C-alpha atoms as a PDB file:
ATOM      1  CA  MET A   1     -14.815  14.277 -55.835  1.00  0.00           C
ATOM      2  CA  PRO A   2     -17.803  16.671 -54.701  1.00  0.00           C
ATOM      3  CA  LEU A   3     -19.838  18.201 -57.505  1.00  0.00           C
ATOM      4  CA  SER A   4     -19.456  21.874 -57.227  1.00  0.00           C
ATOM      5  CA  ILE A   5     -22.016  24.425 -58.634  1.00  0.00           C
ATOM      6  CA  ARG A   6     -19.154  25.450 -61.125  1.00  0.00           C
ATOM      7  CA  ARG A   7     -19.049  21.783 -62.391  1.00  0.00           C
ATOM      8  CA  LEU A   8     -22.837  21.455 -62.371  1.00  0.00           C
ATOM      9  CA  THR A   9     -23.232  24.488 -64.581  1.00  0.00           C
ATOM     10  CA  LYS A  10     -21.098  22.761 -67.333  1.00  0.00           C
ATOM     11  CA  HIS A  11     -23.852  20.227 -67.564  1.00  0.00           C
ATOM     12  CA  VAL A  12     -26.898  22.514 -67.125  1.00  0.00           C
ATOM     13  CA  ASN A  13     -28.068  24.188 -70.414  1.00  0.00           C
ATOM     14  CA  MET A  14     -28.171  27.758 -69.159  1.00  0.00           C
ATOM     15  CA  ALA A  15     -30.270  29.010 -72.305  1.00  0.00           C
ATOM     16  CA  ALA A  16     -32.624  30.300 -69.398  1.00  0.00           C
ATOM     17  CA  CYS A  17     -33.708  33.850 -69.497  1.00  0.00           C
ATOM     18  CA  MET A  18     -35.926  35.892 -67.356  1.00  0.00           C
ATOM     19  CA  SER A  19     -38.902  37.851 -68.710  1.00  0.00           C
ATOM     20  CA  GLU A  20     -42.002  39.537 -67.455  1.00  0.00           C
ATOM     21  CA  ASN A  21     -45.229  37.702 -68.307  1.00  0.00           C
ATOM     22  CA  GLY A  22     -47.749  40.167 -69.784  1.00  0.00           C
ATOM     23  CA  SER A  23     -49.851  42.441 -67.290  1.00  0.00           C
ATOM     24  CA  ASP A  24     -49.506  40.006 -64.520  1.00  0.00           C
ATOM     25  CA  LYS A  25     -45.899  41.142 -64.130  1.00  0.00           C
ATOM     26  CA  LYS A  26     -44.846  37.584 -63.163  1.00  0.00           C
ATOM     27  CA  LEU A  27     -41.308  36.673 -63.839  1.00  0.00           C
ATOM     28  CA  GLU A  28     -40.546  33.404 -65.741  1.00  0.00           C
ATOM     29  CA  LEU A  29     -37.293  31.543 -65.919  1.00  0.00           C
ATOM     30  CA  TYR A  30     -37.559  29.534 -68.966  1.00  0.00           C
ATOM     31  CA  PRO A  31     -36.792  25.893 -68.897  1.00  0.00           C
ATOM     32  CA  PHE A  32     -33.221  25.026 -68.796  1.00  0.00           C
ATOM     33  CA  THR A  33     -32.072  21.390 -69.096  1.00  0.00           C
ATOM     34  CA  VAL A  34     -29.977  19.028 -67.520  1.00  0.00           C
ATOM     35  CA  PRO A  35     -28.650  15.974 -69.526  1.00  0.00           C
ATOM     36  CA  PHE A  36     -28.096  12.746 -67.919  1.00  0.00           C
ATOM     37  CA  PRO A  37     -26.232   9.552 -69.156  1.00  0.00           C
ATOM     38  CA  SER A  38     -29.524   7.655 -69.306  1.00  0.00           C
ATOM     39  CA  GLU A  39     -33.358   8.294 -69.044  1.00  0.00           C
ATOM     40  CA  ARG A  40     -33.227   6.098 -65.921  1.00  0.00           C
ATOM     41  CA  GLU A  41     -30.958   8.684 -64.193  1.00  0.00           C
ATOM     42  CA  ALA A  42     -33.090  11.454 -65.496  1.00  0.00           C
ATOM     43  CA  THR A  43     -36.007   9.892 -63.902  1.00  0.00           C
ATOM     44  CA  ILE A  44     -34.333   9.368 -60.730  1.00  0.00           C
ATOM     45  CA  ALA A  45     -33.352  12.947 -60.318  1.00  0.00           C
ATOM     46  CA  LEU A  46     -36.832  14.053 -61.205  1.00  0.00           C
ATOM     47  CA  GLN A  47     -38.245  11.618 -58.293  1.00  0.00           C
ATOM     48  CA  SER A  48     -35.686  13.031 -56.016  1.00  0.00           C
ATOM     49  CA  LEU A  49     -36.266  16.726 -56.736  1.00  0.00           C
ATOM     50  CA  SER A  50     -39.961  16.462 -57.071  1.00  0.00           C
ATOM     51  CA  PRO A  51     -41.113  15.769 -53.606  1.00  0.00           C
ATOM     52  CA  ASP A  52     -39.753  19.320 -52.357  1.00  0.00           C
ATOM     53  CA  PRO A  53     -42.508  21.781 -52.742  1.00  0.00           C
ATOM     54  CA  GLU A  54     -41.615  25.509 -52.650  1.00  0.00           C
ATOM     55  CA  PRO A  55     -41.771  26.800 -48.906  1.00  0.00           C
ATOM     56  CA  ARG A  56     -44.027  29.794 -49.764  1.00  0.00           C
ATOM     57  CA  LYS A  57     -47.639  28.922 -50.603  1.00  0.00           C
ATOM     58  CA  GLY A  58     -47.907  31.610 -53.226  1.00  0.00           C
ATOM     59  CA  GLY A  59     -45.680  33.707 -55.304  1.00  0.00           C
ATOM     60  CA  ILE A  60     -43.722  30.974 -57.148  1.00  0.00           C
ATOM     61  CA  THR A  61     -44.196  27.809 -59.086  1.00  0.00           C
ATOM     62  CA  LYS A  62     -41.689  25.335 -60.130  1.00  0.00           C
ATOM     63  CA  ASN A  63     -42.280  22.748 -63.078  1.00  0.00           C
ATOM     64  CA  LEU A  64     -40.053  19.692 -63.742  1.00  0.00           C
ATOM     65  CA  ASP A  65     -40.267  17.338 -66.472  1.00  0.00           C
ATOM     66  CA  VAL A  66     -38.075  14.510 -68.067  1.00  0.00           C
ATOM     67  CA  SER A  67     -37.812  13.940 -71.762  1.00  0.00           C
ATOM     68  CA  GLY A  68     -35.662  11.096 -72.690  1.00  0.00           C
ATOM     69  CA  GLN A  69     -32.472  11.657 -70.893  1.00  0.00           C
ATOM     70  CA  THR A  70     -33.082  15.269 -70.136  1.00  0.00           C
ATOM     71  CA  LEU A  71     -34.432  17.063 -67.067  1.00  0.00           C
ATOM     72  CA  SER A  72     -36.152  20.307 -67.586  1.00  0.00           C
ATOM     73  CA  VAL A  73     -36.917  22.859 -64.964  1.00  0.00           C
ATOM     74  CA  SER A  74     -38.809  26.280 -65.283  1.00  0.00           C
ATOM     75  CA  TRP A  75     -40.159  28.756 -62.826  1.00  0.00           C
ATOM     76  CA  THR A  76     -42.621  31.509 -62.466  1.00  0.00           C
ATOM     77  CA  ALA A  77     -42.436  34.058 -59.781  1.00  0.00           C
ATOM     78  CA  ASP A  78     -43.980  37.239 -58.448  1.00  0.00           C
ATOM     79  CA  GLU A  79     -40.530  38.582 -57.291  1.00  0.00           C
ATOM     80  CA  ALA A  80     -37.018  38.314 -58.411  1.00  0.00           C
ATOM     81  CA  ARG A  81     -35.756  37.722 -54.870  1.00  0.00           C
ATOM     82  CA  ILE A  82     -38.194  34.586 -54.468  1.00  0.00           C
ATOM     83  CA  LEU A  83     -37.077  33.232 -58.006  1.00  0.00           C
ATOM     84  CA  ARG A  84     -33.472  33.656 -56.939  1.00  0.00           C
ATOM     85  CA  VAL A  85     -33.820  31.775 -53.658  1.00  0.00           C
ATOM     86  CA  SER A  86     -35.759  28.834 -55.296  1.00  0.00           C
ATOM     87  CA  VAL A  87     -33.330  28.498 -58.268  1.00  0.00           C
ATOM     88  CA  SER A  88     -30.309  28.547 -55.851  1.00  0.00           C
ATOM     89  CA  SER A  89     -31.968  25.923 -53.583  1.00  0.00           C
ATOM     90  CA  PHE A  90     -32.958  23.914 -56.389  1.00  0.00           C
ATOM     91  CA  LEU A  91     -29.268  23.834 -57.687  1.00  0.00           C
ATOM     92  CA  ASP A  92     -28.097  22.902 -54.406  1.00  0.00           C
ATOM     93  CA  HIS A  93     -30.299  19.938 -54.374  1.00  0.00           C
ATOM     94  CA  LEU A  94     -29.643  18.926 -57.834  1.00  0.00           C
ATOM     95  CA  SER A  95     -25.644  19.168 -57.113  1.00  0.00           C
ATOM     96  CA  LEU A  96     -26.485  16.820 -54.209  1.00  0.00           C
ATOM     97  CA  VAL A  97     -28.494  14.365 -56.452  1.00  0.00           C
ATOM     98  CA  MET A  98     -25.719  14.223 -59.008  1.00  0.00           C
ATOM     99  CA  GLU A  99     -23.005  13.809 -56.241  1.00  0.00           C
ATOM    100  CA  THR A 100     -25.058  10.825 -54.868  1.00  0.00           C
ATOM    101  CA  MET A 101     -25.492   9.390 -58.330  1.00  0.00           C
ATOM    102  CA  ASP A 102     -21.659   9.570 -59.088  1.00  0.00           C
ATOM    103  CA  ALA A 103     -20.761   8.081 -55.719  1.00  0.00           C
ATOM    104  CA  PHE A 104     -23.173   5.055 -56.163  1.00  0.00           C
ATOM    105  CA  GLY A 105     -22.518   4.541 -60.030  1.00  0.00           C
ATOM    106  CA  PRO A 106     -25.064   3.851 -62.638  1.00  0.00           C
ATOM    107  CA  PRO A 107     -28.447   2.536 -61.637  1.00  0.00           C
ATOM    108  CA  VAL A 108     -29.014  -1.220 -61.849  1.00  0.00           C
ATOM    109  CA  SER A 109     -31.495  -2.342 -64.296  1.00  0.00           C
ATOM    110  CA  GLN A 110     -34.902  -3.591 -62.857  1.00  0.00           C
END
């Protein structure tokens, strides 16, 4: 069964909020977290999503981190439009990673 964005958001901790960062007038999307069944799966997701740099050279930064079984993601951007496009693209990629993991089952221990 394909993993829709609606199903994905049930798994994502949407305790994210947007705020302006001081005098720089940067927008920050505070970390939201995505729990995985195991630390290995969280690490696989991180490795799958990390190689994708932001298409623009400036104006936005994305930080990904894994702590235990949880993937955390945060953004800082100059404009709301750029932030919205980056978050949307990331969620599409995350959905694909999660669909792939579901299709192939749990990772084999190494």
